[in-house]
Amino acid sequence: MSRAQLYPVPTVSEPFKKIAIDLIGELPKTKTGYKYVLTLIDYATRYPEAIPLKTTHSRVIAEALISVFSRVGLPNEIVSEQGSNLFGQLMRQLYELLGISHIKTSVYHPEAN
């Protein structure tokens, strides 16, 4: 049996050019009404960011991402699972408008990030 050829995995050296996003929750509601957390991890530096959310509607996620992008700049690529709130029509339009490539991973397989 022959083995498949191994290929090098491209590394990312420039901060915030490739990020992974995911949602955590539903968590116990805080006094201010937050029940979810949008997590963001930069591939180059492994810098994490956690943004509290009251809902996981695409509009709320898009607003949170735009807030992050206004501070750190636009990524070239975003890696996320295929959940409708991370991959729905609104999110696809946002990625297209901002020139961001969206890489989809398997649902319930965080190791792919």
N, C-alpha and C. Protein backbone atom coordinates (compact mmCIF):
# COMPACT_ATOMS: atom_id res chain seq x y z
N MET A 1 0.84 -1.17 0.00
CA MET A 1 0.00 0.00 0.00
C MET A 1 0.89 1.24 0.00
N SER A 2 0.62 2.16 -0.89
CA SER A 2 1.41 3.38 -0.94
C SER A 2 0.79 4.44 -0.03
N ARG A 3 1.63 5.29 0.45
CA ARG A 3 1.17 6.36 1.34
C ARG A 3 0.89 7.62 0.54
N ALA A 4 -0.07 8.38 1.04
CA ALA A 4 -0.37 9.65 0.40
C ALA A 4 0.75 10.63 0.68
N GLN A 5 1.00 11.47 -0.28
CA GLN A 5 2.06 12.46 -0.13
C GLN A 5 1.63 13.53 0.86
N LEU A 6 2.56 13.93 1.70
CA LEU A 6 2.29 15.00 2.67
C LEU A 6 2.62 16.35 2.05
N TYR A 7 1.80 17.32 2.34
CA TYR A 7 2.02 18.67 1.85
C TYR A 7 2.13 19.60 3.05
N PRO A 8 3.00 20.60 2.95
CA PRO A 8 3.13 21.54 4.08
C PRO A 8 1.86 22.35 4.25
N VAL A 9 1.52 22.61 5.48
CA VAL A 9 0.37 23.45 5.79
C VAL A 9 0.85 24.90 5.78
N PRO A 10 0.18 25.75 4.99
CA PRO A 10 0.64 27.14 4.95
C PRO A 10 0.49 27.80 6.32
N THR A 11 1.49 28.55 6.70
CA THR A 11 1.43 29.27 7.97
C THR A 11 1.00 30.71 7.72
N VAL A 12 0.43 31.29 8.72
CA VAL A 12 -0.01 32.68 8.64
C VAL A 12 0.92 33.48 9.53
N SER A 13 1.58 34.47 8.96
CA SER A 13 2.54 35.25 9.76
C SER A 13 2.04 36.65 10.08
N GLU A 14 1.08 37.15 9.33
CA GLU A 14 0.59 38.51 9.56
C GLU A 14 -0.64 38.47 10.47
N PRO A 15 -0.60 39.17 11.60
CA PRO A 15 -1.72 39.15 12.53
C PRO A 15 -3.05 39.57 11.89
N PHE A 16 -4.09 38.88 12.28
CA PHE A 16 -5.48 39.14 11.89
C PHE A 16 -5.74 39.03 10.40
N LYS A 17 -4.94 38.26 9.69
CA LYS A 17 -5.24 38.00 8.28
C LYS A 17 -6.06 36.73 8.12
N LYS A 18 -5.99 35.84 9.12
CA LYS A 18 -6.83 34.64 9.13
C LYS A 18 -7.29 34.44 10.57
N ILE A 19 -8.61 34.38 10.74
CA ILE A 19 -9.16 34.22 12.08
C ILE A 19 -10.18 33.08 12.08
N ALA A 20 -10.38 32.50 13.25
CA ALA A 20 -11.43 31.51 13.46
C ALA A 20 -12.47 32.12 14.38
N ILE A 21 -13.75 31.89 14.06
CA ILE A 21 -14.82 32.37 14.92
C ILE A 21 -15.73 31.20 15.29
N ASP A 22 -16.33 31.30 16.46
CA ASP A 22 -17.27 30.27 16.91
C ASP A 22 -18.18 30.88 17.97
N LEU A 23 -19.25 30.19 18.26
CA LEU A 23 -20.20 30.64 19.28
C LEU A 23 -20.21 29.67 20.45
N ILE A 24 -20.31 30.24 21.65
CA ILE A 24 -20.45 29.45 22.86
C ILE A 24 -21.80 29.82 23.47
N GLY A 25 -22.55 28.83 23.90
CA GLY A 25 -23.81 29.10 24.57
C GLY A 25 -24.89 28.20 24.03
N GLU A 26 -25.94 28.22 24.69
CA GLU A 26 -26.54 29.18 25.58
C GLU A 26 -25.98 28.98 26.98
N LEU A 27 -25.57 30.07 27.60
CA LEU A 27 -25.03 30.09 28.95
C LEU A 27 -26.08 30.70 29.89
N PRO A 28 -25.88 30.58 31.20
CA PRO A 28 -26.80 31.28 32.11
C PRO A 28 -26.80 32.78 31.81
N LYS A 29 -27.96 33.36 31.78
CA LYS A 29 -28.12 34.78 31.45
C LYS A 29 -27.48 35.66 32.51
N THR A 30 -26.70 36.65 32.06
CA THR A 30 -26.09 37.61 32.99
C THR A 30 -27.13 38.64 33.40
N LYS A 31 -26.79 39.47 34.37
CA LYS A 31 -27.70 40.53 34.81
C LYS A 31 -28.03 41.50 33.69
N THR A 32 -27.10 41.63 32.74
CA THR A 32 -27.31 42.54 31.61
C THR A 32 -27.89 41.85 30.39
N GLY A 33 -28.22 40.56 30.51
CA GLY A 33 -28.94 39.88 29.43
C GLY A 33 -28.10 39.09 28.44
N TYR A 34 -26.82 38.95 28.68
CA TYR A 34 -25.97 38.21 27.76
C TYR A 34 -26.05 36.71 28.04
N LYS A 35 -26.21 35.91 26.95
CA LYS A 35 -26.32 34.46 27.09
C LYS A 35 -25.35 33.69 26.19
N TYR A 36 -24.66 34.39 25.32
CA TYR A 36 -23.78 33.74 24.34
C TYR A 36 -22.45 34.48 24.29
N VAL A 37 -21.44 33.81 23.74
CA VAL A 37 -20.13 34.43 23.54
C VAL A 37 -19.67 34.11 22.13
N LEU A 38 -19.30 35.15 21.40
CA LEU A 38 -18.66 34.99 20.10
C LEU A 38 -17.17 34.96 20.35
N THR A 39 -16.52 33.86 19.99
CA THR A 39 -15.07 33.77 20.18
C THR A 39 -14.37 33.98 18.85
N LEU A 40 -13.22 34.59 18.93
CA LEU A 40 -12.40 34.89 17.76
C LEU A 40 -10.96 34.58 18.13
N ILE A 41 -10.27 33.83 17.29
CA ILE A 41 -8.86 33.53 17.53
C ILE A 41 -8.07 33.84 16.27
N ASP A 42 -7.00 34.60 16.44
CA ASP A 42 -6.11 34.95 15.34
C ASP A 42 -5.15 33.79 15.09
N TYR A 43 -5.05 33.35 13.85
CA TYR A 43 -4.18 32.23 13.51
C TYR A 43 -2.69 32.55 13.69
N ALA A 44 -2.27 33.77 13.43
CA ALA A 44 -0.85 34.11 13.49
C ALA A 44 -0.34 34.22 14.92
N THR A 45 -1.10 34.89 15.77
CA THR A 45 -0.62 35.17 17.13
C THR A 45 -1.31 34.33 18.20
N ARG A 46 -2.41 33.67 17.83
CA ARG A 46 -3.27 32.91 18.76
C ARG A 46 -3.96 33.85 19.75
N TYR A 47 -4.02 35.13 19.43
CA TYR A 47 -4.71 36.12 20.26
C TYR A 47 -6.20 35.78 20.30
N PRO A 48 -6.77 35.62 21.49
CA PRO A 48 -8.20 35.32 21.59
C PRO A 48 -9.01 36.58 21.90
N GLU A 49 -10.22 36.57 21.48
CA GLU A 49 -11.14 37.64 21.84
C GLU A 49 -12.49 36.99 22.10
N ALA A 50 -13.21 37.46 23.10
CA ALA A 50 -14.54 36.95 23.44
C ALA A 50 -15.50 38.12 23.54
N ILE A 51 -16.56 38.06 22.76
CA ILE A 51 -17.53 39.15 22.71
C ILE A 51 -18.87 38.63 23.24
N PRO A 52 -19.39 39.20 24.32
CA PRO A 52 -20.68 38.74 24.83
C PRO A 52 -21.81 39.15 23.90
N LEU A 53 -22.78 38.25 23.72
CA LEU A 53 -23.93 38.52 22.86
C LEU A 53 -25.22 38.17 23.60
N LYS A 54 -26.26 38.92 23.31
CA LYS A 54 -27.57 38.60 23.89
C LYS A 54 -28.31 37.57 23.05
N THR A 55 -28.07 37.59 21.74
CA THR A 55 -28.67 36.61 20.83
C THR A 55 -27.60 36.16 19.84
N THR A 56 -27.94 35.13 19.07
CA THR A 56 -27.00 34.67 18.04
C THR A 56 -27.54 34.95 16.65
N HIS A 57 -28.37 35.97 16.53
CA HIS A 57 -28.87 36.36 15.21
C HIS A 57 -27.69 36.86 14.37
N SER A 58 -27.75 36.59 13.09
CA SER A 58 -26.67 36.99 12.18
C SER A 58 -26.36 38.48 12.26
N ARG A 59 -27.41 39.30 12.39
CA ARG A 59 -27.20 40.75 12.46
C ARG A 59 -26.34 41.12 13.66
N VAL A 60 -26.59 40.50 14.80
CA VAL A 60 -25.83 40.77 16.03
C VAL A 60 -24.39 40.31 15.86
N ILE A 61 -24.19 39.16 15.26
CA ILE A 61 -22.83 38.64 15.02
C ILE A 61 -22.09 39.56 14.05
N ALA A 62 -22.77 39.99 12.98
CA ALA A 62 -22.15 40.88 12.00
C ALA A 62 -21.71 42.19 12.66
N GLU A 63 -22.56 42.75 13.52
CA GLU A 63 -22.21 43.99 14.22
C GLU A 63 -21.00 43.79 15.12
N ALA A 64 -20.94 42.65 15.81
CA ALA A 64 -19.80 42.36 16.69
C ALA A 64 -18.52 42.23 15.87
N LEU A 65 -18.59 41.54 14.73
CA LEU A 65 -17.40 41.39 13.89
C LEU A 65 -16.93 42.73 13.34
N ILE A 66 -17.86 43.55 12.89
CA ILE A 66 -17.49 44.87 12.37
C ILE A 66 -16.81 45.69 13.46
N SER A 67 -17.28 45.57 14.69
CA SER A 67 -16.64 46.28 15.81
C SER A 67 -15.20 45.81 15.99
N VAL A 68 -14.97 44.51 15.92
CA VAL A 68 -13.60 43.98 16.03
C VAL A 68 -12.76 44.45 14.85
N PHE A 69 -13.30 44.34 13.63
CA PHE A 69 -12.55 44.72 12.43
C PHE A 69 -12.17 46.20 12.45
N SER A 70 -13.00 47.04 13.08
CA SER A 70 -12.69 48.47 13.14
C SER A 70 -11.46 48.74 14.02
N ARG A 71 -11.14 47.80 14.91
CA ARG A 71 -9.97 47.95 15.77
C ARG A 71 -8.72 47.28 15.22
N VAL A 72 -8.88 46.10 14.60
CA VAL A 72 -7.71 45.31 14.21
C VAL A 72 -7.52 45.20 12.70
N GLY A 73 -8.47 45.65 11.91
CA GLY A 73 -8.37 45.55 10.46
C GLY A 73 -9.13 44.33 9.95
N LEU A 74 -9.29 44.29 8.62
CA LEU A 74 -10.04 43.21 7.99
C LEU A 74 -9.18 41.98 7.76
N PRO A 75 -9.70 40.81 8.08
CA PRO A 75 -8.97 39.58 7.76
C PRO A 75 -9.16 39.23 6.29
N ASN A 76 -8.27 38.40 5.77
CA ASN A 76 -8.45 37.86 4.42
C ASN A 76 -9.36 36.64 4.46
N GLU A 77 -9.27 35.88 5.58
CA GLU A 77 -10.03 34.64 5.70
C GLU A 77 -10.65 34.52 7.09
N ILE A 78 -11.85 33.95 7.12
CA ILE A 78 -12.52 33.61 8.37
C ILE A 78 -12.86 32.13 8.31
N VAL A 79 -12.50 31.40 9.36
CA VAL A 79 -12.82 29.98 9.47
C VAL A 79 -13.92 29.84 10.50
N SER A 80 -15.00 29.13 10.13
CA SER A 80 -16.09 28.88 11.08
C SER A 80 -16.84 27.63 10.67
N GLU A 81 -17.68 27.15 11.58
CA GLU A 81 -18.55 26.03 11.23
C GLU A 81 -19.66 26.54 10.31
N GLN A 82 -20.50 25.63 9.86
CA GLN A 82 -21.50 25.97 8.86
C GLN A 82 -22.85 26.35 9.43
N GLY A 83 -22.89 26.73 10.71
CA GLY A 83 -24.16 27.14 11.31
C GLY A 83 -24.79 28.29 10.54
N SER A 84 -26.11 28.31 10.48
CA SER A 84 -26.80 29.31 9.67
C SER A 84 -26.52 30.73 10.15
N ASN A 85 -26.28 30.91 11.45
CA ASN A 85 -26.00 32.25 11.96
C ASN A 85 -24.58 32.71 11.64
N LEU A 86 -23.69 31.78 11.28
CA LEU A 86 -22.32 32.14 10.88
C LEU A 86 -22.13 32.03 9.37
N PHE A 87 -23.08 31.39 8.70
CA PHE A 87 -22.92 31.15 7.27
C PHE A 87 -24.17 31.51 6.46
N GLY A 88 -25.13 32.15 7.08
CA GLY A 88 -26.37 32.50 6.38
C GLY A 88 -26.15 33.60 5.35
N GLN A 89 -27.25 33.99 4.72
CA GLN A 89 -27.19 34.96 3.63
C GLN A 89 -26.57 36.29 4.07
N LEU A 90 -26.97 36.80 5.23
CA LEU A 90 -26.42 38.07 5.71
C LEU A 90 -24.91 37.99 5.90
N MET A 91 -24.44 36.90 6.50
CA MET A 91 -23.01 36.75 6.73
C MET A 91 -22.26 36.60 5.41
N ARG A 92 -22.82 35.84 4.47
CA ARG A 92 -22.17 35.70 3.15
C ARG A 92 -22.06 37.06 2.47
N GLN A 93 -23.12 37.87 2.57
CA GLN A 93 -23.09 39.21 1.98
C GLN A 93 -22.04 40.08 2.65
N LEU A 94 -21.93 39.99 3.96
CA LEU A 94 -20.92 40.77 4.69
C LEU A 94 -19.52 40.38 4.23
N TYR A 95 -19.25 39.06 4.18
CA TYR A 95 -17.93 38.59 3.76
C TYR A 95 -17.62 39.05 2.34
N GLU A 96 -18.62 38.96 1.45
CA GLU A 96 -18.41 39.38 0.06
C GLU A 96 -18.14 40.88 -0.02
N LEU A 97 -18.93 41.66 0.69
CA LEU A 97 -18.77 43.12 0.69
C LEU A 97 -17.39 43.53 1.18
N LEU A 98 -16.88 42.83 2.21
CA LEU A 98 -15.59 43.18 2.80
C LEU A 98 -14.42 42.44 2.14
N GLY A 99 -14.70 41.58 1.17
CA GLY A 99 -13.63 40.85 0.48
C GLY A 99 -12.98 39.78 1.33
N ILE A 100 -13.77 39.14 2.20
CA ILE A 100 -13.26 38.11 3.10
C ILE A 100 -13.65 36.74 2.58
N SER A 101 -12.70 35.84 2.51
CA SER A 101 -12.96 34.46 2.12
C SER A 101 -13.42 33.69 3.35
N HIS A 102 -14.53 32.95 3.21
CA HIS A 102 -15.07 32.19 4.34
C HIS A 102 -14.77 30.71 4.14
N ILE A 103 -14.05 30.12 5.09
CA ILE A 103 -13.71 28.70 5.05
C ILE A 103 -14.60 27.99 6.06
N LYS A 104 -15.33 26.99 5.58
CA LYS A 104 -16.28 26.28 6.42
C LYS A 104 -15.68 24.99 6.95
N THR A 105 -15.91 24.71 8.23
CA THR A 105 -15.46 23.46 8.84
C THR A 105 -16.69 22.61 9.16
N SER A 106 -16.45 21.39 9.56
CA SER A 106 -17.54 20.50 9.94
C SER A 106 -18.19 20.98 11.23
N VAL A 107 -19.49 20.85 11.30
CA VAL A 107 -20.22 21.20 12.51
C VAL A 107 -19.83 20.22 13.61
N TYR A 108 -19.71 20.71 14.83
CA TYR A 108 -19.34 19.93 16.01
C TYR A 108 -17.96 19.29 15.87
N HIS A 109 -17.07 19.94 15.15
CA HIS A 109 -15.71 19.44 15.01
C HIS A 109 -14.74 20.60 15.19
N PRO A 110 -14.60 21.13 16.42
CA PRO A 110 -13.77 22.32 16.65
C PRO A 110 -12.30 22.10 16.33
N GLU A 111 -11.86 20.84 16.28
CA GLU A 111 -10.45 20.58 15.96
C GLU A 111 -10.10 21.06 14.56
N ALA A 112 -11.09 21.19 13.69
CA ALA A 112 -10.84 21.64 12.33
C ALA A 112 -10.45 23.11 12.28
N ASN A 113 -10.79 23.86 13.33
CA ASN A 113 -10.39 25.27 13.38
C ASN A 113 -8.93 25.33 13.73
